[in-house]
């Protein structure tokens, strides 16, 4: 079971809700990625352990182009100056 929390940039007003690191849902393992069209971070299922068809598009804009987000450096894809970290406020979701 994954834990999704609010992550916020310390330099701009960008935030996202997700794991923010490699994790797993029942549908399969996930990695945080950045959409190359809209620069949104989202958790992407890498493959289905049961061979199910996966939606391979950005949740925000529908693009299928992405790159892995460097969750260790935590650089903000929106302003490129800030660092993204878990927020003390916001949502906490036990995802499945």
PDB file of N, CA and C in Angstrom:
ATOM      1  N   UNK A   1       0.841  -1.177   0.000  1.00  0.00           N
ATOM      2  CA  UNK A   1       0.000   0.000   0.000  1.00  0.00           C
ATOM      3  C   UNK A   1       0.886   1.241   0.000  1.00  0.00           C
ATOM      4  N   UNK A   2       0.598   2.158  -0.874  1.00  0.00           N
ATOM      5  CA  UNK A   2       1.363   3.396  -0.986  1.00  0.00           C
ATOM      6  C   UNK A   2       0.749   4.474  -0.091  1.00  0.00           C
ATOM      7  N   UNK A   3       1.564   5.426   0.275  1.00  0.00           N
ATOM      8  CA  UNK A   3       1.086   6.590   1.017  1.00  0.00           C
ATOM      9  C   UNK A   3       1.295   7.813   0.143  1.00  0.00           C
ATOM     10  N   UNK A   4       0.209   8.500  -0.176  1.00  0.00           N
ATOM     11  CA  UNK A   4       0.294   9.727  -0.958  1.00  0.00           C
ATOM     12  C   UNK A   4       0.126  10.906  -0.027  1.00  0.00           C
ATOM     13  N   UNK A   5       1.007  11.879  -0.156  1.00  0.00           N
ATOM     14  CA  UNK A   5       0.954  13.089   0.661  1.00  0.00           C
ATOM     15  C   UNK A   5       1.115  14.300  -0.248  1.00  0.00           C
ATOM     16  N   UNK A   6       0.817  15.450   0.288  1.00  0.00           N
ATOM     17  CA  UNK A   6       1.024  16.699  -0.439  1.00  0.00           C
ATOM     18  C   UNK A   6       2.513  17.043  -0.400  1.00  0.00           C
ATOM     19  N   UNK A   7       3.046  17.381  -1.568  1.00  0.00           N
ATOM     20  CA  UNK A   7       4.428  17.839  -1.699  1.00  0.00           C
ATOM     21  C   UNK A   7       4.370  19.273  -2.209  1.00  0.00           C
ATOM     22  N   UNK A   8       5.195  20.148  -1.643  1.00  0.00           N
ATOM     23  CA  UNK A   8       5.180  21.565  -2.032  1.00  0.00           C
ATOM     24  C   UNK A   8       6.589  22.052  -2.349  1.00  0.00           C
ATOM     25  N   UNK A   9       6.658  22.976  -3.315  1.00  0.00           N
ATOM     26  CA  UNK A   9       7.919  23.631  -3.669  1.00  0.00           C
ATOM     27  C   UNK A   9       8.195  24.739  -2.654  1.00  0.00           C
ATOM     28  N   UNK A  10       9.456  24.896  -2.271  1.00  0.00           N
ATOM     29  CA  UNK A  10       9.806  25.953  -1.310  1.00  0.00           C
ATOM     30  C   UNK A  10      10.066  27.301  -1.986  1.00  0.00           C
ATOM     31  N   UNK A  11       9.933  27.353  -3.317  1.00  0.00           N
ATOM     32  CA  UNK A  11      10.229  28.591  -4.033  1.00  0.00           C
ATOM     33  C   UNK A  11       9.036  29.153  -4.809  1.00  0.00           C
ATOM     34  N   UNK A  12       8.120  28.277  -5.235  1.00  0.00           N
ATOM     35  CA  UNK A  12       6.945  28.743  -5.976  1.00  0.00           C
ATOM     36  C   UNK A  12       5.704  28.099  -5.361  1.00  0.00           C
ATOM     37  N   UNK A  13       4.555  28.287  -5.962  1.00  0.00           N
ATOM     38  CA  UNK A  13       3.323  27.753  -5.376  1.00  0.00           C
ATOM     39  C   UNK A  13       2.953  26.364  -5.906  1.00  0.00           C
ATOM     40  N   UNK A  14       3.890  25.672  -6.563  1.00  0.00           N
ATOM     41  CA  UNK A  14       3.598  24.354  -7.119  1.00  0.00           C
ATOM     42  C   UNK A  14       3.471  23.306  -6.013  1.00  0.00           C
ATOM     43  N   UNK A  15       2.502  22.434  -6.183  1.00  0.00           N
ATOM     44  CA  UNK A  15       2.350  21.299  -5.268  1.00  0.00           C
ATOM     45  C   UNK A  15       1.728  20.129  -6.034  1.00  0.00           C
ATOM     46  N   UNK A  16       1.930  18.934  -5.516  1.00  0.00           N
ATOM     47  CA  UNK A  16       1.274  17.758  -6.075  1.00  0.00           C
ATOM     48  C   UNK A  16       1.006  16.774  -4.949  1.00  0.00           C
ATOM     49  N   UNK A  17       0.077  15.867  -5.185  1.00  0.00           N
ATOM     50  CA  UNK A  17      -0.227  14.809  -4.231  1.00  0.00           C
ATOM     51  C   UNK A  17       0.222  13.493  -4.842  1.00  0.00           C
ATOM     52  N   UNK A  18       1.071  12.790  -4.145  1.00  0.00           N
ATOM     53  CA  UNK A  18       1.568  11.508  -4.633  1.00  0.00           C
ATOM     54  C   UNK A  18       2.581  10.936  -3.665  1.00  0.00           C
ATOM     55  N   UNK A  19       3.171   9.833  -4.054  1.00  0.00           N
ATOM     56  CA  UNK A  19       4.171   9.186  -3.215  1.00  0.00           C
ATOM     57  C   UNK A  19       5.478   9.983  -3.213  1.00  0.00           C
ATOM     58  N   UNK A  20       5.876  10.465  -4.385  1.00  0.00           N
ATOM     59  CA  UNK A  20       7.108  11.241  -4.486  1.00  0.00           C
ATOM     60  C   UNK A  20       8.369  10.399  -4.513  1.00  0.00           C
ATOM     61  N   UNK A  21       8.202   9.076  -4.576  1.00  0.00           N
ATOM     62  CA  UNK A  21       9.337   8.155  -4.619  1.00  0.00           C
ATOM     63  C   UNK A  21       8.839   6.842  -5.213  1.00  0.00           C
ATOM     64  N   UNK A  22       9.730   5.935  -5.592  1.00  0.00           N
ATOM     65  CA  UNK A  22       9.252   4.634  -6.067  1.00  0.00           C
ATOM     66  C   UNK A  22       8.394   3.966  -4.996  1.00  0.00           C
ATOM     67  N   UNK A  23       7.297   3.384  -5.410  1.00  0.00           N
ATOM     68  CA  UNK A  23       6.338   2.810  -4.475  1.00  0.00           C
ATOM     69  C   UNK A  23       5.583   1.708  -5.198  1.00  0.00           C
ATOM     70  N   UNK A  24       4.481   1.263  -4.633  1.00  0.00           N
ATOM     71  CA  UNK A  24       3.689   0.219  -5.280  1.00  0.00           C
ATOM     72  C   UNK A  24       2.222   0.351  -4.911  1.00  0.00           C
ATOM     73  N   UNK A  25       1.388   0.123  -5.895  1.00  0.00           N
ATOM     74  CA  UNK A  25      -0.047   0.006  -5.718  1.00  0.00           C
ATOM     75  C   UNK A  25      -0.422  -1.437  -6.042  1.00  0.00           C
ATOM     76  N   UNK A  26      -1.628  -1.816  -5.788  1.00  0.00           N
ATOM     77  CA  UNK A  26      -2.046  -3.169  -6.153  1.00  0.00           C
ATOM     78  C   UNK A  26      -1.996  -3.365  -7.667  1.00  0.00           C
ATOM     79  N   UNK A  27      -2.148  -2.269  -8.426  1.00  0.00           N
ATOM     80  CA  UNK A  27      -2.091  -2.362  -9.885  1.00  0.00           C
ATOM     81  C   UNK A  27      -0.678  -2.514 -10.408  1.00  0.00           C
ATOM     82  N   UNK A  28       0.332  -2.270  -9.549  1.00  0.00           N
ATOM     83  CA  UNK A  28       1.716  -2.429  -9.968  1.00  0.00           C
ATOM     84  C   UNK A  28       2.640  -1.408  -9.337  1.00  0.00           C
ATOM     85  N   UNK A  29       3.951  -1.556  -9.555  1.00  0.00           N
ATOM     86  CA  UNK A  29       4.934  -0.619  -9.021  1.00  0.00           C
ATOM     87  C   UNK A  29       4.837   0.746  -9.699  1.00  0.00           C
ATOM     88  N   UNK A  30       5.164   1.795  -8.932  1.00  0.00           N
ATOM     89  CA  UNK A  30       5.086   3.158  -9.455  1.00  0.00           C
ATOM     90  C   UNK A  30       6.421   3.871  -9.302  1.00  0.00           C
ATOM     91  N   UNK A  31       6.603   4.878 -10.170  1.00  0.00           N
ATOM     92  CA  UNK A  31       7.731   5.799 -10.055  1.00  0.00           C
ATOM     93  C   UNK A  31       7.188   7.208 -10.262  1.00  0.00           C
ATOM     94  N   UNK A  32       7.798   8.217  -9.617  1.00  0.00           N
ATOM     95  CA  UNK A  32       7.383   9.586  -9.881  1.00  0.00           C
ATOM     96  C   UNK A  32       7.980  10.055 -11.210  1.00  0.00           C
ATOM     97  N   UNK A  33       7.143  10.646 -12.051  1.00  0.00           N
ATOM     98  CA  UNK A  33       7.595  11.146 -13.348  1.00  0.00           C
ATOM     99  C   UNK A  33       7.160  12.597 -13.536  1.00  0.00           C
ATOM    100  N   UNK A  34       7.819  13.275 -14.473  1.00  0.00           N
ATOM    101  CA  UNK A  34       7.458  14.640 -14.849  1.00  0.00           C
ATOM    102  C   UNK A  34       6.954  14.611 -16.289  1.00  0.00           C
ATOM    103  N   UNK A  35       5.772  15.129 -16.521  1.00  0.00           N
ATOM    104  CA  UNK A  35       5.234  15.242 -17.867  1.00  0.00           C
ATOM    105  C   UNK A  35       6.072  16.265 -18.638  1.00  0.00           C
ATOM    106  N   UNK A  36       6.493  15.918 -19.853  1.00  0.00           N
ATOM    107  CA  UNK A  36       7.324  16.820 -20.649  1.00  0.00           C
ATOM    108  C   UNK A  36       6.524  17.925 -21.323  1.00  0.00           C
ATOM    109  N   UNK A  37       5.193  17.845 -21.267  1.00  0.00           N
ATOM    110  CA  UNK A  37       4.354  18.887 -21.862  1.00  0.00           C
ATOM    111  C   UNK A  37       3.944  19.937 -20.833  1.00  0.00           C
ATOM    112  N   UNK A  38       3.468  19.487 -19.653  1.00  0.00           N
ATOM    113  CA  UNK A  38       2.935  20.452 -18.679  1.00  0.00           C
ATOM    114  C   UNK A  38       3.761  20.557 -17.397  1.00  0.00           C
ATOM    115  N   UNK A  39       4.832  19.752 -17.281  1.00  0.00           N
ATOM    116  CA  UNK A  39       5.733  19.765 -16.126  1.00  0.00           C
ATOM    117  C   UNK A  39       5.078  19.380 -14.805  1.00  0.00           C
ATOM    118  N   UNK A  40       4.025  18.587 -14.854  1.00  0.00           N
ATOM    119  CA  UNK A  40       3.388  18.083 -13.639  1.00  0.00           C
ATOM    120  C   UNK A  40       4.081  16.803 -13.195  1.00  0.00           C
ATOM    121  N   UNK A  41       4.215  16.630 -11.891  1.00  0.00           N
ATOM    122  CA  UNK A  41       4.742  15.388 -11.339  1.00  0.00           C
ATOM    123  C   UNK A  41       3.558  14.487 -11.007  1.00  0.00           C
ATOM    124  N   UNK A  42       3.667  13.224 -11.373  1.00  0.00           N
ATOM    125  CA  UNK A  42       2.633  12.258 -10.985  1.00  0.00           C
ATOM    126  C   UNK A  42       3.253  10.880 -10.855  1.00  0.00           C
ATOM    127  N   UNK A  43       2.601  10.004 -10.099  1.00  0.00           N
ATOM    128  CA  UNK A  43       3.068   8.627  -9.940  1.00  0.00           C
ATOM    129  C   UNK A  43       2.582   7.801 -11.116  1.00  0.00           C
ATOM    130  N   UNK A  44       3.510   7.154 -11.796  1.00  0.00           N
ATOM    131  CA  UNK A  44       3.181   6.367 -12.987  1.00  0.00           C
ATOM    132  C   UNK A  44       3.421   4.890 -12.697  1.00  0.00           C
ATOM    133  N   UNK A  45       2.448   4.065 -13.012  1.00  0.00           N
ATOM    134  CA  UNK A  45       2.597   2.620 -12.866  1.00  0.00           C
ATOM    135  C   UNK A  45       3.523   2.143 -13.971  1.00  0.00           C
ATOM    136  N   UNK A  46       4.574   1.430 -13.602  1.00  0.00           N
ATOM    137  CA  UNK A  46       5.573   1.019 -14.586  1.00  0.00           C
ATOM    138  C   UNK A  46       5.146  -0.206 -15.380  1.00  0.00           C
ATOM    139  N   UNK A  47       4.479  -1.144 -14.731  1.00  0.00           N
ATOM    140  CA  UNK A  47       3.969  -2.324 -15.431  1.00  0.00           C
ATOM    141  C   UNK A  47       2.935  -3.014 -14.549  1.00  0.00           C
ATOM    142  N   UNK A  48       2.081  -3.763 -15.166  1.00  0.00           N
ATOM    143  CA  UNK A  48       1.043  -4.496 -14.439  1.00  0.00           C
ATOM    144  C   UNK A  48       1.509  -5.923 -14.185  1.00  0.00           C
ATOM    145  N   UNK A  49       1.494  -6.358 -12.928  1.00  0.00           N
ATOM    146  CA  UNK A  49       1.908  -7.730 -12.643  1.00  0.00           C
ATOM    147  C   UNK A  49       0.952  -8.782 -13.204  1.00  0.00           C
ATOM    148  N   UNK A  50      -0.265  -8.366 -13.568  1.00  0.00           N
ATOM    149  CA  UNK A  50      -1.232  -9.319 -14.127  1.00  0.00           C
ATOM    150  C   UNK A  50      -1.466  -9.091 -15.619  1.00  0.00           C
ATOM    151  N   UNK A  51      -0.679  -8.193 -16.223  1.00  0.00           N
ATOM    152  CA  UNK A  51      -0.782  -7.951 -17.660  1.00  0.00           C
ATOM    153  C   UNK A  51      -1.928  -7.049 -18.074  1.00  0.00           C
ATOM    154  N   UNK A  52      -2.492  -6.296 -17.133  1.00  0.00           N
ATOM    155  CA  UNK A  52      -3.610  -5.403 -17.449  1.00  0.00           C
ATOM    156  C   UNK A  52      -3.135  -4.234 -18.315  1.00  0.00           C
ATOM    157  N   UNK A  53      -4.045  -3.727 -19.142  1.00  0.00           N
ATOM    158  CA  UNK A  53      -3.770  -2.543 -19.969  1.00  0.00           C
ATOM    159  C   UNK A  53      -3.650  -1.323 -19.059  1.00  0.00           C
ATOM    160  N   UNK A  54      -2.577  -0.531 -19.225  1.00  0.00           N
ATOM    161  CA  UNK A  54      -2.353   0.645 -18.386  1.00  0.00           C
ATOM    162  C   UNK A  54      -2.570   1.920 -19.187  1.00  0.00           C
ATOM    163  N   UNK A  55      -3.128   2.918 -18.523  1.00  0.00           N
ATOM    164  CA  UNK A  55      -3.252   4.242 -19.123  1.00  0.00           C
ATOM    165  C   UNK A  55      -1.880   4.900 -19.016  1.00  0.00           C
ATOM    166  N   UNK A  56      -1.268   5.194 -20.125  1.00  0.00           N
ATOM    167  CA  UNK A  56       0.100   5.726 -20.145  1.00  0.00           C
ATOM    168  C   UNK A  56       0.142   7.239 -20.350  1.00  0.00           C
ATOM    169  N   UNK A  57      -0.932   7.948 -19.996  1.00  0.00           N
ATOM    170  CA  UNK A  57      -0.969   9.383 -20.262  1.00  0.00           C
ATOM    171  C   UNK A  57      -0.947  10.209 -18.974  1.00  0.00           C
ATOM    172  N   UNK A  58      -0.495  11.457 -19.100  1.00  0.00           N
ATOM    173  CA  UNK A  58      -0.454  12.404 -17.986  1.00  0.00           C
ATOM    174  C   UNK A  58      -1.873  12.648 -17.470  1.00  0.00           C
ATOM    175  N   UNK A  59      -2.011  12.656 -16.162  1.00  0.00           N
ATOM    176  CA  UNK A  59      -3.316  12.889 -15.546  1.00  0.00           C
ATOM    177  C   UNK A  59      -3.815  14.315 -15.783  1.00  0.00           C
ATOM    178  N   UNK A  60      -2.896  15.250 -16.004  1.00  0.00           N
ATOM    179  CA  UNK A  60      -3.248  16.661 -16.164  1.00  0.00           C
ATOM    180  C   UNK A  60      -3.562  17.039 -17.605  1.00  0.00           C
ATOM    181  N   UNK A  61      -2.688  16.655 -18.554  1.00  0.00           N
ATOM    182  CA  UNK A  61      -2.848  17.138 -19.935  1.00  0.00           C
ATOM    183  C   UNK A  61      -3.039  16.022 -20.969  1.00  0.00           C
ATOM    184  N   UNK A  62      -2.838  14.766 -20.570  1.00  0.00           N
ATOM    185  CA  UNK A  62      -3.039  13.657 -21.497  1.00  0.00           C
ATOM    186  C   UNK A  62      -1.819  13.272 -22.323  1.00  0.00           C
ATOM    187  N   UNK A  63      -0.713  13.997 -22.172  1.00  0.00           N
ATOM    188  CA  UNK A  63       0.496  13.681 -22.934  1.00  0.00           C
ATOM    189  C   UNK A  63       1.050  12.320 -22.514  1.00  0.00           C
ATOM    190  N   UNK A  64       1.680  11.648 -23.456  1.00  0.00           N
ATOM    191  CA  UNK A  64       2.309  10.358 -23.163  1.00  0.00           C
ATOM    192  C   UNK A  64       3.824  10.488 -23.053  1.00  0.00           C
ATOM    193  N   UNK A  65       4.321  11.720 -23.080  1.00  0.00           N
ATOM    194  CA  UNK A  65       5.760  11.968 -22.989  1.00  0.00           C
ATOM    195  C   UNK A  65       6.123  12.360 -21.555  1.00  0.00           C
ATOM    196  N   UNK A  66       7.107  11.683 -20.996  1.00  0.00           N
ATOM    197  CA  UNK A  66       7.495  11.947 -19.615  1.00  0.00           C
ATOM    198  C   UNK A  66       8.957  11.578 -19.402  1.00  0.00           C
ATOM    199  N   UNK A  67       9.494  12.007 -18.272  1.00  0.00           N
ATOM    200  CA  UNK A  67      10.815  11.588 -17.824  1.00  0.00           C
ATOM    201  C   UNK A  67      10.711  11.302 -16.333  1.00  0.00           C
ATOM    202  N   UNK A  68      11.577  10.427 -15.841  1.00  0.00           N
ATOM    203  CA  UNK A  68      11.557  10.147 -14.411  1.00  0.00           C
ATOM    204  C   UNK A  68      11.945  11.409 -13.643  1.00  0.00           C
ATOM    205  N   UNK A  69      11.231  11.661 -12.539  1.00  0.00           N
ATOM    206  CA  UNK A  69      11.559  12.788 -11.661  1.00  0.00           C
ATOM    207  C   UNK A  69      12.659  12.342 -10.714  1.00  0.00           C
ATOM    208  N   UNK A  70      13.680  13.170 -10.551  1.00  0.00           N
ATOM    209  CA  UNK A  70      14.773  12.860  -9.625  1.00  0.00           C
ATOM    210  C   UNK A  70      14.285  13.125  -8.202  1.00  0.00           C
ATOM    211  N   UNK A  71      13.733  12.094  -7.582  1.00  0.00           N
ATOM    212  CA  UNK A  71      13.132  12.244  -6.255  1.00  0.00           C
ATOM    213  C   UNK A  71      14.180  12.444  -5.158  1.00  0.00           C
ATOM    214  N   UNK A  72      15.445  12.235  -5.488  1.00  0.00           N
ATOM    215  CA  UNK A  72      16.486  12.472  -4.483  1.00  0.00           C
ATOM    216  C   UNK A  72      16.909  13.941  -4.453  1.00  0.00           C
ATOM    217  N   UNK A  73      17.033  14.582  -5.611  1.00  0.00           N
ATOM    218  CA  UNK A  73      17.374  16.010  -5.627  1.00  0.00           C
ATOM    219  C   UNK A  73      16.139  16.873  -5.392  1.00  0.00           C
ATOM    220  N   UNK A  74      14.968  16.360  -5.738  1.00  0.00           N
ATOM    221  CA  UNK A  74      13.663  17.005  -5.490  1.00  0.00           C
ATOM    222  C   UNK A  74      13.520  18.373  -6.153  1.00  0.00           C
ATOM    223  N   UNK A  75      14.178  18.571  -7.292  1.00  0.00           N
ATOM    224  CA  UNK A  75      14.109  19.847  -8.009  1.00  0.00           C
ATOM    225  C   UNK A  75      12.707  20.073  -8.569  1.00  0.00           C
ATOM    226  N   UNK A  76      12.185  21.278  -8.409  1.00  0.00           N
ATOM    227  CA  UNK A  76      10.856  21.627  -8.894  1.00  0.00           C
ATOM    228  C   UNK A  76      10.854  21.741 -10.419  1.00  0.00           C
ATOM    229  N   UNK A  77       9.955  21.028 -11.112  1.00  0.00           N
ATOM    230  CA  UNK A  77       9.907  21.112 -12.571  1.00  0.00           C
ATOM    231  C   UNK A  77       9.211  22.375 -13.079  1.00  0.00           C
ATOM    232  N   UNK A  78       8.517  23.083 -12.198  1.00  0.00           N
ATOM    233  CA  UNK A  78       7.800  24.292 -12.608  1.00  0.00           C
ATOM    234  C   UNK A  78       8.704  25.519 -12.606  1.00  0.00           C
ATOM    235  N   UNK A  79       9.385  25.781 -11.493  1.00  0.00           N
ATOM    236  CA  UNK A  79      10.222  26.988 -11.410  1.00  0.00           C
ATOM    237  C   UNK A  79      11.705  26.681 -11.585  1.00  0.00           C
ATOM    238  N   UNK A  80      12.100  25.427 -11.434  1.00  0.00           N
ATOM    239  CA  UNK A  80      13.472  24.949 -11.575  1.00  0.00           C
ATOM    240  C   UNK A  80      14.450  25.532 -10.557  1.00  0.00           C
ATOM    241  N   UNK A  81      13.970  26.367  -9.638  1.00  0.00           N
ATOM    242  CA  UNK A  81      14.829  26.925  -8.596  1.00  0.00           C
ATOM    243  C   UNK A  81      14.555  26.296  -7.243  1.00  0.00           C
ATOM    244  N   UNK A  82      13.336  25.842  -7.049  1.00  0.00           N
ATOM    245  CA  UNK A  82      12.919  25.349  -5.748  1.00  0.00           C
ATOM    246  C   UNK A  82      13.164  23.868  -5.548  1.00  0.00           C
ATOM    247  N   UNK A  83      12.975  23.477  -4.303  1.00  0.00           N
ATOM    248  CA  UNK A  83      13.081  22.080  -3.893  1.00  0.00           C
ATOM    249  C   UNK A  83      11.715  21.657  -3.361  1.00  0.00           C
ATOM    250  N   UNK A  84      11.286  20.485  -3.763  1.00  0.00           N
ATOM    251  CA  UNK A  84       9.981  19.980  -3.352  1.00  0.00           C
ATOM    252  C   UNK A  84      10.162  18.999  -2.200  1.00  0.00           C
ATOM    253  N   UNK A  85       9.343  19.168  -1.166  1.00  0.00           N
ATOM    254  CA  UNK A  85       9.390  18.256  -0.036  1.00  0.00           C
ATOM    255  C   UNK A  85       7.986  18.014   0.476  1.00  0.00           C
ATOM    256  N   UNK A  86       7.832  17.004   1.322  1.00  0.00           N
ATOM    257  CA  UNK A  86       6.523  16.717   1.892  1.00  0.00           C
ATOM    258  C   UNK A  86       6.065  17.880   2.747  1.00  0.00           C
ATOM    259  N   UNK A  87       4.787  18.190   2.649  1.00  0.00           N
ATOM    260  CA  UNK A  87       4.181  19.275   3.400  1.00  0.00           C
ATOM    261  C   UNK A  87       3.687  18.754   4.754  1.00  0.00           C
ATOM    262  N   UNK A  88       3.786  19.600   5.776  1.00  0.00           N
ATOM    263  CA  UNK A  88       3.229  19.253   7.076  1.00  0.00           C
ATOM    264  C   UNK A  88       1.705  19.388   7.056  1.00  0.00           C
ATOM    265  N   UNK A  89       1.220  20.135   6.087  1.00  0.00           N
ATOM    266  CA  UNK A  89      -0.216  20.324   5.915  1.00  0.00           C
ATOM    267  C   UNK A  89      -0.634  19.627   4.620  1.00  0.00           C
ATOM    268  N   UNK A  90      -1.905  19.576   4.341  1.00  0.00           N
ATOM    269  CA  UNK A  90      -2.356  18.961   3.109  1.00  0.00           C
ATOM    270  C   UNK A  90      -2.929  17.582   3.366  1.00  0.00           C
ATOM    271  N   UNK A  91      -3.013  16.797   2.306  1.00  0.00           N
ATOM    272  CA  UNK A  91      -3.684  15.509   2.397  1.00  0.00           C
ATOM    273  C   UNK A  91      -2.715  14.370   2.689  1.00  0.00           C
ATOM    274  N   UNK A  92      -3.257  13.328   3.260  1.00  0.00           N
ATOM    275  CA  UNK A  92      -2.557  12.068   3.476  1.00  0.00           C
ATOM    276  C   UNK A  92      -3.517  10.986   3.030  1.00  0.00           C
ATOM    277  N   UNK A  93      -3.130  10.238   2.002  1.00  0.00           N
ATOM    278  CA  UNK A  93      -4.004   9.215   1.429  1.00  0.00           C
ATOM    279  C   UNK A  93      -3.283   7.877   1.475  1.00  0.00           C
ATOM    280  N   UNK A  94      -3.941   6.881   1.998  1.00  0.00           N
ATOM    281  CA  UNK A  94      -3.431   5.521   1.924  1.00  0.00           C
ATOM    282  C   UNK A  94      -3.955   4.953   0.619  1.00  0.00           C
ATOM    283  N   UNK A  95      -3.097   4.880  -0.384  1.00  0.00           N
ATOM    284  CA  UNK A  95      -3.518   4.476  -1.732  1.00  0.00           C
ATOM    285  C   UNK A  95      -3.366   2.975  -1.899  1.00  0.00           C
ATOM    286  N   UNK A  96      -4.217   2.439  -2.764  1.00  0.00           N
ATOM    287  CA  UNK A  96      -4.181   1.003  -2.986  1.00  0.00           C
ATOM    288  C   UNK A  96      -4.228   0.688  -4.459  1.00  0.00           C
TER     289      UNK A  96
END
